[in-house]
N, C-alpha and C. Protein backbone atom coordinates (compact mmCIF):
# COMPACT_ATOMS: atom_id res chain seq x y z
N MET A 1 0.86 -1.19 0.00
CA MET A 1 0.00 0.00 0.00
C MET A 1 0.88 1.23 0.00
N SER A 2 0.74 2.13 -0.97
CA SER A 2 1.58 3.30 -1.08
C SER A 2 1.22 4.33 -0.02
N ALA A 3 2.26 4.98 0.54
CA ALA A 3 2.04 6.03 1.53
C ALA A 3 2.08 7.42 0.88
N LYS A 4 2.15 7.48 -0.47
CA LYS A 4 2.27 8.75 -1.15
C LYS A 4 0.94 9.49 -1.26
N VAL A 5 -0.16 8.79 -1.05
CA VAL A 5 -1.47 9.45 -1.09
C VAL A 5 -1.65 10.26 0.19
N ASP A 6 -2.13 11.49 0.05
CA ASP A 6 -2.38 12.33 1.20
C ASP A 6 -3.44 11.67 2.09
N PRO A 7 -3.13 11.45 3.37
CA PRO A 7 -4.13 10.82 4.26
C PRO A 7 -5.47 11.52 4.28
N ALA A 8 -5.48 12.82 3.96
CA ALA A 8 -6.75 13.54 3.91
C ALA A 8 -7.65 12.99 2.80
N ASP A 9 -7.04 12.31 1.82
CA ASP A 9 -7.81 11.75 0.70
C ASP A 9 -8.11 10.27 0.88
N PHE A 10 -7.78 9.74 2.05
CA PHE A 10 -8.06 8.32 2.31
C PHE A 10 -9.57 8.08 2.35
N LYS A 11 -9.95 6.85 2.04
CA LYS A 11 -11.34 6.45 2.18
C LYS A 11 -11.48 5.46 3.34
N THR A 12 -12.66 5.45 3.92
CA THR A 12 -12.95 4.52 5.02
C THR A 12 -13.77 3.36 4.48
N TYR A 13 -13.31 2.16 4.77
CA TYR A 13 -14.03 0.94 4.41
C TYR A 13 -14.33 0.16 5.67
N HIS A 14 -15.51 -0.44 5.71
CA HIS A 14 -15.92 -1.21 6.87
C HIS A 14 -15.92 -2.70 6.54
N GLY A 15 -15.71 -3.49 7.56
CA GLY A 15 -15.70 -4.93 7.36
C GLY A 15 -15.99 -5.66 8.66
N GLY A 16 -15.99 -6.96 8.56
CA GLY A 16 -16.23 -7.76 9.76
C GLY A 16 -16.39 -9.22 9.40
N CYS A 17 -16.63 -10.01 10.42
CA CYS A 17 -16.84 -11.44 10.21
C CYS A 17 -18.29 -11.70 9.80
N HIS A 18 -18.61 -12.93 9.46
CA HIS A 18 -19.93 -13.28 8.94
C HIS A 18 -21.02 -13.13 10.00
N CYS A 19 -20.71 -13.52 11.25
CA CYS A 19 -21.73 -13.49 12.30
C CYS A 19 -21.87 -12.12 12.95
N GLY A 20 -20.93 -11.20 12.69
CA GLY A 20 -21.03 -9.85 13.23
C GLY A 20 -20.41 -9.67 14.59
N ALA A 21 -19.76 -10.69 15.12
CA ALA A 21 -19.14 -10.56 16.44
C ALA A 21 -17.94 -9.61 16.42
N PHE A 22 -17.29 -9.51 15.26
CA PHE A 22 -16.13 -8.62 15.13
C PHE A 22 -16.34 -7.71 13.93
N LYS A 23 -16.25 -6.40 14.16
CA LYS A 23 -16.40 -5.42 13.10
C LYS A 23 -15.25 -4.43 13.18
N PHE A 24 -14.85 -3.93 12.02
CA PHE A 24 -13.71 -3.01 11.98
C PHE A 24 -13.88 -2.01 10.85
N ALA A 25 -13.01 -1.02 10.83
CA ALA A 25 -12.93 -0.07 9.72
C ALA A 25 -11.45 0.12 9.39
N ILE A 26 -11.19 0.40 8.13
CA ILE A 26 -9.83 0.75 7.72
C ILE A 26 -9.88 2.06 6.96
N ARG A 27 -8.86 2.87 7.14
CA ARG A 27 -8.70 4.10 6.37
C ARG A 27 -7.45 3.95 5.52
N ILE A 28 -7.67 3.89 4.21
CA ILE A 28 -6.59 3.61 3.26
C ILE A 28 -6.84 4.41 1.98
N PRO A 29 -5.83 4.48 1.09
CA PRO A 29 -6.11 5.07 -0.23
C PRO A 29 -7.23 4.30 -0.91
N GLU A 30 -7.99 4.98 -1.76
CA GLU A 30 -9.11 4.35 -2.44
C GLU A 30 -8.68 3.08 -3.16
N LEU A 31 -9.45 2.02 -2.97
CA LEU A 31 -9.14 0.76 -3.61
C LEU A 31 -9.43 0.85 -5.11
N LYS A 32 -8.40 0.62 -5.91
CA LYS A 32 -8.56 0.63 -7.37
C LYS A 32 -8.51 -0.78 -7.93
N GLY A 33 -8.07 -1.73 -7.12
CA GLY A 33 -7.96 -3.11 -7.53
C GLY A 33 -7.62 -3.94 -6.31
N VAL A 34 -7.53 -5.24 -6.51
CA VAL A 34 -7.25 -6.14 -5.40
C VAL A 34 -6.38 -7.28 -5.91
N MET A 35 -5.48 -7.74 -5.04
CA MET A 35 -4.62 -8.86 -5.39
C MET A 35 -5.39 -10.17 -5.24
N ALA A 36 -5.32 -11.02 -6.25
CA ALA A 36 -5.94 -12.34 -6.18
C ALA A 36 -4.83 -13.37 -6.03
N CYS A 37 -4.75 -13.98 -4.87
CA CYS A 37 -3.65 -14.89 -4.55
C CYS A 37 -4.13 -16.34 -4.57
N ASN A 38 -3.26 -17.23 -5.04
CA ASN A 38 -3.61 -18.65 -5.09
C ASN A 38 -2.71 -19.50 -4.18
N CYS A 39 -2.16 -18.87 -3.13
CA CYS A 39 -1.34 -19.65 -2.19
C CYS A 39 -2.25 -20.60 -1.40
N SER A 40 -1.64 -21.53 -0.70
CA SER A 40 -2.42 -22.58 -0.03
C SER A 40 -3.40 -22.02 0.99
N ILE A 41 -3.00 -21.03 1.78
CA ILE A 41 -3.88 -20.52 2.84
C ILE A 41 -5.01 -19.69 2.24
N CYS A 42 -4.74 -18.94 1.17
CA CYS A 42 -5.80 -18.15 0.54
C CYS A 42 -6.82 -19.08 -0.13
N ILE A 43 -6.33 -20.14 -0.80
CA ILE A 43 -7.24 -21.08 -1.44
C ILE A 43 -8.11 -21.79 -0.42
N LYS A 44 -7.51 -22.29 0.65
CA LYS A 44 -8.25 -23.07 1.64
C LYS A 44 -9.27 -22.20 2.39
N ASN A 45 -8.95 -20.93 2.60
CA ASN A 45 -9.83 -20.06 3.38
C ASN A 45 -10.73 -19.20 2.51
N GLY A 46 -10.63 -19.32 1.20
CA GLY A 46 -11.48 -18.52 0.33
C GLY A 46 -11.14 -17.04 0.36
N ILE A 47 -9.87 -16.73 0.64
CA ILE A 47 -9.43 -15.33 0.68
C ILE A 47 -9.12 -14.88 -0.74
N LEU A 48 -9.74 -13.82 -1.18
CA LEU A 48 -9.45 -13.29 -2.51
C LEU A 48 -8.03 -12.77 -2.56
N GLY A 49 -7.64 -12.05 -1.54
CA GLY A 49 -6.31 -11.47 -1.42
C GLY A 49 -6.32 -10.53 -0.24
N ASN A 50 -5.16 -10.20 0.28
CA ASN A 50 -5.07 -9.33 1.43
C ASN A 50 -4.68 -7.92 1.03
N ILE A 51 -5.26 -6.94 1.71
CA ILE A 51 -4.94 -5.53 1.50
C ILE A 51 -3.90 -5.16 2.54
N TRP A 52 -2.67 -4.98 2.12
CA TRP A 52 -1.55 -4.82 3.04
C TRP A 52 -1.23 -3.35 3.31
N PHE A 53 -0.87 -3.04 4.55
CA PHE A 53 -0.26 -1.75 4.87
C PHE A 53 0.59 -1.90 6.12
N ARG A 54 1.55 -1.02 6.25
CA ARG A 54 2.53 -1.11 7.33
C ARG A 54 1.98 -0.56 8.65
N ASP A 55 2.49 -1.11 9.74
CA ASP A 55 2.09 -0.64 11.06
C ASP A 55 2.47 0.82 11.27
N ASP A 56 3.62 1.22 10.73
CA ASP A 56 4.10 2.57 10.96
C ASP A 56 3.69 3.55 9.85
N GLY A 57 2.77 3.13 8.98
CA GLY A 57 2.30 3.99 7.91
C GLY A 57 1.11 4.83 8.33
N PRO A 58 0.60 5.65 7.42
CA PRO A 58 -0.53 6.52 7.75
C PRO A 58 -1.88 5.81 7.73
N GLU A 59 -1.95 4.59 7.20
CA GLU A 59 -3.21 3.87 7.16
C GLU A 59 -3.65 3.49 8.57
N GLU A 60 -4.94 3.26 8.72
CA GLU A 60 -5.48 2.96 10.05
C GLU A 60 -6.35 1.71 10.03
N PHE A 61 -6.26 0.94 11.11
CA PHE A 61 -7.13 -0.20 11.35
C PHE A 61 -7.86 0.08 12.66
N ILE A 62 -9.19 0.16 12.62
CA ILE A 62 -9.98 0.57 13.78
C ILE A 62 -10.98 -0.52 14.14
N VAL A 63 -10.91 -1.01 15.35
CA VAL A 63 -11.88 -2.00 15.82
C VAL A 63 -13.16 -1.29 16.23
N GLU A 64 -14.29 -1.69 15.66
CA GLU A 64 -15.58 -1.05 15.97
C GLU A 64 -16.45 -1.92 16.86
N LYS A 65 -16.24 -3.22 16.84
CA LYS A 65 -17.01 -4.13 17.69
C LYS A 65 -16.18 -5.37 17.95
N GLY A 66 -16.22 -5.85 19.18
CA GLY A 66 -15.48 -7.05 19.51
C GLY A 66 -14.08 -6.72 20.01
N ASP A 67 -13.28 -7.75 20.16
CA ASP A 67 -11.95 -7.62 20.73
C ASP A 67 -10.98 -8.44 19.89
N ILE A 68 -9.89 -7.82 19.46
CA ILE A 68 -8.90 -8.55 18.67
C ILE A 68 -8.40 -9.78 19.42
N ASP A 69 -8.22 -9.64 20.73
CA ASP A 69 -7.72 -10.76 21.51
C ASP A 69 -8.68 -11.94 21.55
N ALA A 70 -9.95 -11.71 21.20
CA ALA A 70 -10.93 -12.80 21.18
C ALA A 70 -10.88 -13.58 19.86
N LEU A 71 -10.22 -13.02 18.85
CA LEU A 71 -10.09 -13.72 17.58
C LEU A 71 -9.12 -14.89 17.73
N LYS A 72 -9.42 -15.98 17.06
CA LYS A 72 -8.54 -17.14 17.10
C LYS A 72 -7.31 -16.89 16.22
N LYS A 73 -6.26 -17.68 16.46
CA LYS A 73 -5.00 -17.52 15.75
C LYS A 73 -4.64 -18.79 15.00
N TYR A 74 -4.01 -18.60 13.84
CA TYR A 74 -3.47 -19.74 13.10
C TYR A 74 -2.20 -19.29 12.39
N SER A 75 -1.15 -20.07 12.53
CA SER A 75 0.09 -19.80 11.80
C SER A 75 0.70 -21.13 11.39
N PHE A 76 1.65 -21.08 10.47
CA PHE A 76 2.25 -22.30 9.97
C PHE A 76 3.64 -22.00 9.44
N GLU A 77 4.37 -23.04 9.10
CA GLU A 77 5.73 -22.95 8.60
C GLU A 77 6.59 -22.10 9.54
N ARG A 78 7.12 -20.98 9.07
CA ARG A 78 8.03 -20.17 9.91
C ARG A 78 7.29 -19.38 10.98
N ARG A 79 5.96 -19.36 10.91
CA ARG A 79 5.11 -18.71 11.91
C ARG A 79 5.39 -17.21 12.06
N ASN A 80 5.88 -16.58 11.00
CA ASN A 80 6.07 -15.14 11.06
C ASN A 80 4.81 -14.38 10.68
N ALA A 81 3.80 -15.09 10.20
CA ALA A 81 2.51 -14.48 9.89
C ALA A 81 1.43 -15.20 10.68
N VAL A 82 0.60 -14.42 11.36
CA VAL A 82 -0.46 -14.98 12.20
C VAL A 82 -1.81 -14.58 11.61
N TYR A 83 -2.61 -15.57 11.25
CA TYR A 83 -3.94 -15.34 10.69
C TYR A 83 -4.95 -15.29 11.83
N ARG A 84 -5.79 -14.25 11.83
CA ARG A 84 -6.78 -14.07 12.88
C ARG A 84 -8.17 -14.27 12.30
N PHE A 85 -8.96 -15.12 12.96
CA PHE A 85 -10.29 -15.45 12.45
C PHE A 85 -11.28 -15.54 13.59
N CYS A 86 -12.56 -15.35 13.26
CA CYS A 86 -13.62 -15.40 14.26
C CYS A 86 -13.80 -16.85 14.72
N GLY A 87 -13.83 -17.04 16.03
CA GLY A 87 -14.01 -18.38 16.57
C GLY A 87 -15.44 -18.86 16.52
N ILE A 88 -16.38 -17.97 16.16
CA ILE A 88 -17.79 -18.36 16.07
C ILE A 88 -18.15 -18.79 14.66
N CYS A 89 -17.86 -17.92 13.68
CA CYS A 89 -18.27 -18.22 12.29
C CYS A 89 -17.11 -18.64 11.41
N GLY A 90 -15.87 -18.46 11.88
CA GLY A 90 -14.71 -18.92 11.13
C GLY A 90 -14.18 -17.95 10.09
N THR A 91 -14.77 -16.77 9.96
CA THR A 91 -14.31 -15.82 8.95
C THR A 91 -12.87 -15.38 9.21
N ASN A 92 -12.03 -15.50 8.20
CA ASN A 92 -10.67 -14.98 8.29
C ASN A 92 -10.73 -13.47 8.11
N VAL A 93 -10.28 -12.72 9.11
CA VAL A 93 -10.40 -11.26 9.09
C VAL A 93 -9.13 -10.59 8.59
N PHE A 94 -7.99 -10.97 9.16
CA PHE A 94 -6.74 -10.35 8.74
C PHE A 94 -5.56 -11.26 9.10
N VAL A 95 -4.42 -10.92 8.54
CA VAL A 95 -3.17 -11.61 8.85
C VAL A 95 -2.17 -10.56 9.31
N LYS A 96 -1.37 -10.92 10.32
CA LYS A 96 -0.41 -9.97 10.87
C LYS A 96 0.98 -10.56 10.82
N ASP A 97 1.92 -9.82 10.23
CA ASP A 97 3.32 -10.22 10.30
C ASP A 97 4.05 -9.17 11.12
N PRO A 98 5.36 -9.30 11.33
CA PRO A 98 6.04 -8.37 12.24
C PRO A 98 5.91 -6.89 11.89
N GLU A 99 5.71 -6.55 10.62
CA GLU A 99 5.70 -5.15 10.22
C GLU A 99 4.43 -4.70 9.53
N GLU A 100 3.60 -5.64 9.06
CA GLU A 100 2.44 -5.27 8.26
C GLU A 100 1.19 -6.01 8.72
N ILE A 101 0.06 -5.48 8.31
CA ILE A 101 -1.22 -6.15 8.51
C ILE A 101 -1.88 -6.30 7.15
N GLY A 102 -2.48 -7.44 6.91
CA GLY A 102 -3.16 -7.70 5.64
C GLY A 102 -4.63 -7.99 5.88
N ILE A 103 -5.50 -7.14 5.39
CA ILE A 103 -6.94 -7.29 5.59
C ILE A 103 -7.50 -8.20 4.51
N ASN A 104 -8.28 -9.19 4.90
CA ASN A 104 -8.95 -10.06 3.93
C ASN A 104 -9.94 -9.21 3.13
N ALA A 105 -9.68 -9.06 1.84
CA ALA A 105 -10.52 -8.20 1.01
C ALA A 105 -11.99 -8.62 1.05
N ARG A 106 -12.24 -9.92 1.16
CA ARG A 106 -13.61 -10.40 1.17
C ARG A 106 -14.32 -10.15 2.50
N SER A 107 -13.61 -9.66 3.50
CA SER A 107 -14.28 -9.33 4.77
C SER A 107 -14.83 -7.91 4.76
N LEU A 108 -14.56 -7.14 3.70
CA LEU A 108 -15.13 -5.80 3.59
C LEU A 108 -16.59 -5.90 3.17
N VAL A 109 -17.42 -4.99 3.70
CA VAL A 109 -18.86 -5.11 3.47
C VAL A 109 -19.44 -3.98 2.64
N ASP A 110 -18.71 -2.88 2.46
CA ASP A 110 -19.30 -1.74 1.75
C ASP A 110 -18.64 -1.48 0.40
N ILE A 111 -17.99 -2.50 -0.15
CA ILE A 111 -17.44 -2.39 -1.49
C ILE A 111 -17.45 -3.79 -2.11
N ASP A 112 -17.78 -3.85 -3.39
CA ASP A 112 -17.82 -5.12 -4.09
C ASP A 112 -16.42 -5.40 -4.64
N VAL A 113 -15.59 -6.09 -3.85
CA VAL A 113 -14.21 -6.32 -4.27
C VAL A 113 -14.15 -7.26 -5.48
N GLU A 114 -15.19 -8.08 -5.66
CA GLU A 114 -15.20 -8.97 -6.81
C GLU A 114 -15.29 -8.20 -8.12
N ALA A 115 -15.85 -6.97 -8.06
CA ALA A 115 -16.02 -6.17 -9.27
C ALA A 115 -14.77 -5.33 -9.59
N LEU A 116 -13.81 -5.28 -8.68
CA LEU A 116 -12.60 -4.51 -8.91
C LEU A 116 -11.65 -5.30 -9.82
N PRO A 117 -10.76 -4.61 -10.51
CA PRO A 117 -9.75 -5.32 -11.30
C PRO A 117 -8.88 -6.18 -10.38
N TRP A 118 -8.55 -7.38 -10.83
CA TRP A 118 -7.73 -8.28 -10.05
C TRP A 118 -6.30 -8.29 -10.58
N ARG A 119 -5.35 -8.25 -9.65
CA ARG A 119 -3.93 -8.46 -10.01
C ARG A 119 -3.54 -9.83 -9.46
N HIS A 120 -3.29 -10.76 -10.33
CA HIS A 120 -3.03 -12.13 -9.91
C HIS A 120 -1.61 -12.28 -9.37
N TYR A 121 -1.53 -12.93 -8.21
CA TYR A 121 -0.25 -13.21 -7.56
C TYR A 121 -0.12 -14.72 -7.40
N ASP A 122 0.93 -15.29 -7.98
CA ASP A 122 1.10 -16.74 -7.98
C ASP A 122 1.75 -17.19 -6.68
N GLY A 123 0.99 -17.09 -5.57
CA GLY A 123 1.52 -17.46 -4.27
C GLY A 123 1.80 -18.95 -4.13
N TRP A 124 1.14 -19.77 -4.98
CA TRP A 124 1.34 -21.22 -4.90
C TRP A 124 2.80 -21.60 -5.19
N LYS A 125 3.47 -20.81 -6.05
CA LYS A 125 4.84 -21.13 -6.44
C LYS A 125 5.88 -20.38 -5.61
N LYS A 126 5.43 -19.55 -4.66
CA LYS A 126 6.36 -18.78 -3.83
C LYS A 126 6.68 -19.56 -2.56
N GLY A 127 7.88 -19.38 -2.05
CA GLY A 127 8.25 -19.99 -0.78
C GLY A 127 8.38 -21.50 -0.87
N THR A 128 8.35 -22.14 0.28
CA THR A 128 8.49 -23.59 0.33
C THR A 128 7.17 -24.25 -0.03
N PRO A 129 7.21 -25.47 -0.60
CA PRO A 129 5.96 -26.16 -0.94
C PRO A 129 5.09 -26.36 0.30
N TYR A 130 3.79 -26.28 0.10
CA TYR A 130 2.83 -26.41 1.20
C TYR A 130 2.90 -27.80 1.84
N ALA A 131 2.99 -27.84 3.15
CA ALA A 131 2.94 -29.09 3.90
C ALA A 131 1.97 -28.91 5.05
N ALA A 132 1.14 -29.91 5.30
CA ALA A 132 0.17 -29.82 6.39
C ALA A 132 0.90 -29.81 7.72
N GLU A 133 0.32 -29.11 8.68
CA GLU A 133 0.91 -28.98 10.00
C GLU A 133 0.99 -30.33 10.72
N PHE A 134 -0.02 -31.16 10.56
CA PHE A 134 -0.12 -32.39 11.33
C PHE A 134 0.12 -33.62 10.45
N GLY A 135 1.08 -33.57 9.57
CA GLY A 135 1.32 -34.73 8.74
C GLY A 135 2.39 -34.47 7.70
N GLU A 136 2.55 -35.41 6.79
CA GLU A 136 3.54 -35.31 5.75
C GLU A 136 3.14 -34.24 4.74
N ARG A 137 4.04 -33.96 3.81
CA ARG A 137 3.70 -33.01 2.75
C ARG A 137 2.41 -33.46 2.08
N VAL A 138 1.49 -32.54 1.91
CA VAL A 138 0.14 -32.91 1.52
C VAL A 138 0.08 -33.41 0.09
N GLU A 139 -0.51 -34.56 -0.09
CA GLU A 139 -0.87 -35.08 -1.39
C GLU A 139 -2.35 -35.42 -1.33
N TRP A 140 -3.03 -35.28 -2.44
CA TRP A 140 -4.46 -35.54 -2.46
C TRP A 140 -4.68 -37.04 -2.59
N LYS A 141 -5.02 -37.67 -1.48
CA LYS A 141 -5.15 -39.13 -1.47
C LYS A 141 -6.18 -39.54 -0.42
N LYS A 142 -6.49 -40.83 -0.44
CA LYS A 142 -7.46 -41.37 0.51
C LYS A 142 -6.95 -41.23 1.94
N PRO A 143 -7.80 -40.79 2.89
CA PRO A 143 -7.37 -40.74 4.29
C PRO A 143 -6.85 -42.09 4.75
N GLU A 144 -5.70 -42.09 5.40
CA GLU A 144 -5.07 -43.34 5.81
C GLU A 144 -5.93 -44.08 6.82
N GLY A 145 -5.95 -45.41 6.69
CA GLY A 145 -6.65 -46.24 7.66
C GLY A 145 -8.15 -46.28 7.48
N LYS A 146 -8.67 -45.67 6.43
CA LYS A 146 -10.10 -45.64 6.21
C LYS A 146 -10.48 -46.56 5.06
N ALA A 147 -11.56 -47.28 5.23
CA ALA A 147 -12.00 -48.21 4.19
C ALA A 147 -12.52 -47.44 2.98
N GLU A 148 -12.23 -47.96 1.82
CA GLU A 148 -12.73 -47.35 0.58
C GLU A 148 -14.21 -47.67 0.43
N GLU A 149 -15.01 -46.66 0.18
CA GLU A 149 -16.43 -46.89 -0.02
C GLU A 149 -16.68 -47.39 -1.44
N GLU A 150 -17.61 -48.31 -1.58
CA GLU A 150 -17.98 -48.74 -2.91
C GLU A 150 -18.85 -47.68 -3.56
N THR A 151 -18.50 -47.29 -4.77
CA THR A 151 -19.26 -46.27 -5.49
C THR A 151 -19.63 -46.81 -6.86
N GLU A 152 -20.59 -46.17 -7.47
CA GLU A 152 -20.99 -46.58 -8.81
C GLU A 152 -19.88 -46.27 -9.80
N GLU A 153 -19.89 -46.98 -10.90
CA GLU A 153 -18.79 -46.92 -11.85
C GLU A 153 -18.54 -45.51 -12.38
N ASP A 154 -19.59 -44.72 -12.55
CA ASP A 154 -19.41 -43.41 -13.18
C ASP A 154 -19.15 -42.29 -12.17
N LEU A 155 -18.88 -42.64 -10.91
CA LEU A 155 -18.58 -41.64 -9.90
C LEU A 155 -17.06 -41.48 -9.75
N VAL A 156 -16.63 -40.23 -9.55
CA VAL A 156 -15.21 -39.92 -9.38
C VAL A 156 -14.97 -39.56 -7.92
N THR A 157 -13.94 -40.16 -7.30
CA THR A 157 -13.63 -39.91 -5.90
C THR A 157 -12.55 -38.84 -5.79
N TYR A 158 -12.73 -37.90 -4.84
CA TYR A 158 -11.76 -36.85 -4.59
C TYR A 158 -11.38 -36.88 -3.11
N TYR A 159 -10.15 -36.44 -2.80
CA TYR A 159 -9.68 -36.41 -1.42
C TYR A 159 -9.21 -35.00 -1.09
N GLY A 160 -9.37 -34.61 0.15
CA GLY A 160 -8.95 -33.28 0.56
C GLY A 160 -8.67 -33.21 2.04
N ASN A 161 -8.31 -32.02 2.50
CA ASN A 161 -8.01 -31.81 3.92
C ASN A 161 -8.07 -30.33 4.23
N CYS A 162 -8.19 -30.01 5.51
CA CYS A 162 -8.09 -28.62 5.94
C CYS A 162 -6.62 -28.21 5.85
N HIS A 163 -6.31 -26.93 6.04
CA HIS A 163 -4.95 -26.45 5.83
C HIS A 163 -3.95 -27.09 6.77
N CYS A 164 -4.32 -27.30 8.03
CA CYS A 164 -3.36 -27.88 8.97
C CYS A 164 -3.29 -29.40 8.87
N GLY A 165 -4.24 -30.01 8.19
CA GLY A 165 -4.20 -31.44 7.97
C GLY A 165 -4.91 -32.28 9.00
N LYS A 166 -5.51 -31.67 10.01
CA LYS A 166 -6.16 -32.45 11.06
C LYS A 166 -7.45 -33.09 10.58
N ILE A 167 -8.12 -32.45 9.65
CA ILE A 167 -9.35 -33.02 9.08
C ILE A 167 -9.10 -33.37 7.63
N ARG A 168 -9.33 -34.64 7.29
CA ARG A 168 -9.20 -35.09 5.91
C ARG A 168 -10.55 -35.60 5.44
N CYS A 169 -10.80 -35.47 4.18
CA CYS A 169 -12.11 -35.85 3.69
C CYS A 169 -12.00 -36.62 2.38
N GLN A 170 -13.06 -37.34 2.10
CA GLN A 170 -13.19 -38.11 0.87
C GLN A 170 -14.58 -37.81 0.31
N GLY A 171 -14.66 -37.51 -0.94
CA GLY A 171 -15.95 -37.22 -1.55
C GLY A 171 -16.02 -37.79 -2.94
N TYR A 172 -17.20 -37.85 -3.48
CA TYR A 172 -17.35 -38.33 -4.84
C TYR A 172 -18.41 -37.52 -5.55
N THR A 173 -18.29 -37.48 -6.85
CA THR A 173 -19.25 -36.75 -7.66
C THR A 173 -19.39 -37.43 -9.01
N GLY A 174 -20.51 -37.20 -9.66
CA GLY A 174 -20.74 -37.81 -10.96
C GLY A 174 -22.10 -37.42 -11.48
N MET A 175 -22.54 -38.09 -12.53
CA MET A 175 -23.82 -37.80 -13.15
C MET A 175 -24.65 -39.07 -13.25
N ARG A 176 -25.94 -38.94 -12.97
CA ARG A 176 -26.86 -40.05 -13.17
C ARG A 176 -28.17 -39.48 -13.70
N GLU A 177 -28.53 -39.86 -14.88
CA GLU A 177 -29.76 -39.39 -15.51
C GLU A 177 -29.83 -37.87 -15.51
N GLY A 178 -28.67 -37.24 -15.77
CA GLY A 178 -28.64 -35.79 -15.88
C GLY A 178 -28.58 -35.05 -14.56
N LEU A 179 -28.55 -35.77 -13.43
CA LEU A 179 -28.49 -35.12 -12.13
C LEU A 179 -27.10 -35.29 -11.53
N GLU A 180 -26.56 -34.21 -10.99
CA GLU A 180 -25.24 -34.30 -10.37
C GLU A 180 -25.38 -34.90 -8.98
N LEU A 181 -24.50 -35.84 -8.67
CA LEU A 181 -24.51 -36.49 -7.37
C LEU A 181 -23.30 -36.04 -6.59
N GLY A 182 -23.41 -35.99 -5.27
CA GLY A 182 -22.27 -35.63 -4.46
C GLY A 182 -22.44 -36.10 -3.04
N SER A 183 -21.33 -36.35 -2.37
CA SER A 183 -21.35 -36.78 -0.98
C SER A 183 -20.02 -36.45 -0.36
N GLN A 184 -19.93 -36.50 0.93
CA GLN A 184 -18.66 -36.27 1.59
C GLN A 184 -18.56 -37.15 2.82
N ILE A 185 -17.33 -37.53 3.13
CA ILE A 185 -17.04 -38.33 4.30
C ILE A 185 -15.91 -37.63 5.04
N LEU A 186 -16.14 -37.24 6.28
CA LEU A 186 -15.14 -36.53 7.04
C LEU A 186 -14.61 -37.41 8.16
N GLU A 187 -13.28 -37.35 8.38
CA GLU A 187 -12.71 -38.09 9.49
C GLU A 187 -13.18 -37.49 10.82
N GLN A 188 -13.21 -36.16 10.89
CA GLN A 188 -13.63 -35.48 12.11
C GLN A 188 -14.60 -34.38 11.74
N PRO A 189 -15.84 -34.69 11.42
CA PRO A 189 -16.77 -33.65 10.96
C PRO A 189 -17.05 -32.63 12.06
N PRO A 190 -16.97 -31.35 11.74
CA PRO A 190 -17.29 -30.32 12.72
C PRO A 190 -18.74 -30.43 13.17
N PRO A 191 -19.05 -30.03 14.42
CA PRO A 191 -20.42 -30.17 14.92
C PRO A 191 -21.44 -29.34 14.18
N HIS A 192 -20.98 -28.27 13.46
CA HIS A 192 -21.94 -27.43 12.76
C HIS A 192 -22.22 -27.95 11.35
N LEU A 193 -21.74 -29.17 11.02
CA LEU A 193 -22.06 -29.78 9.74
C LEU A 193 -22.86 -31.06 9.99
N PRO A 194 -24.14 -30.94 10.34
CA PRO A 194 -24.92 -32.12 10.72
C PRO A 194 -25.11 -33.12 9.61
N ASN A 195 -24.98 -32.69 8.35
CA ASN A 195 -25.22 -33.60 7.23
C ASN A 195 -23.95 -34.32 6.78
N ALA A 196 -22.83 -34.01 7.43
CA ALA A 196 -21.59 -34.70 7.07
C ALA A 196 -21.60 -36.10 7.66
N HIS A 197 -21.04 -37.04 6.93
CA HIS A 197 -21.01 -38.42 7.39
C HIS A 197 -19.63 -38.76 7.91
N ARG A 198 -19.57 -39.49 8.99
CA ARG A 198 -18.27 -39.92 9.49
C ARG A 198 -17.69 -40.99 8.57
N ALA A 199 -16.38 -40.97 8.46
CA ALA A 199 -15.72 -41.98 7.64
C ALA A 199 -15.94 -43.34 8.26
N PRO A 200 -16.12 -44.37 7.45
CA PRO A 200 -16.32 -45.70 7.99
C PRO A 200 -15.10 -46.19 8.75
N SER A 201 -15.31 -46.98 9.79
CA SER A 201 -14.20 -47.52 10.57
C SER A 201 -13.42 -48.49 9.71
N SER A 202 -12.12 -48.50 9.93
CA SER A 202 -11.27 -49.39 9.14
C SER A 202 -11.36 -50.81 9.67
């Protein structure tokens, strides 16, 4: 974020988490575009891109409701960046590194960031390859120790996991008589997903 814009010309944008427990405002130069990042954490969390500015710059981050200390924390690899998210609804609000703060563009509520020009950043190829926190380097495969479910011939099975690797899932999709089919099996389904099925015992 450039500091060359006169702070008197800054615009105020409001944002917050999905459930409304945490709300904030930022004062920054007018948004003319947004970075679209495809790194592992942005992809897994549905972050379009972060709006970065320095702690010692003229930009401002203002808490309007809630408490920053009540936000949950997540970091990985070198742990120099800490992602803060709502513990109620899970919305990723911002990321903090030693010198900068990055606001999740999709957490803003009074501007359509999807309509702004996107500058693509190939975060997937930057830094060290993504590895799950609780396991080996992530490969898309069947959860270990789980029995393979029998599926119809025309169904395709997919495997996935959360960013830290503690929850792994298996799903399938396909077509039958023009209707798309889908299902999911979670090793540790969150309590707020009542329709998720537990993986079969091995």
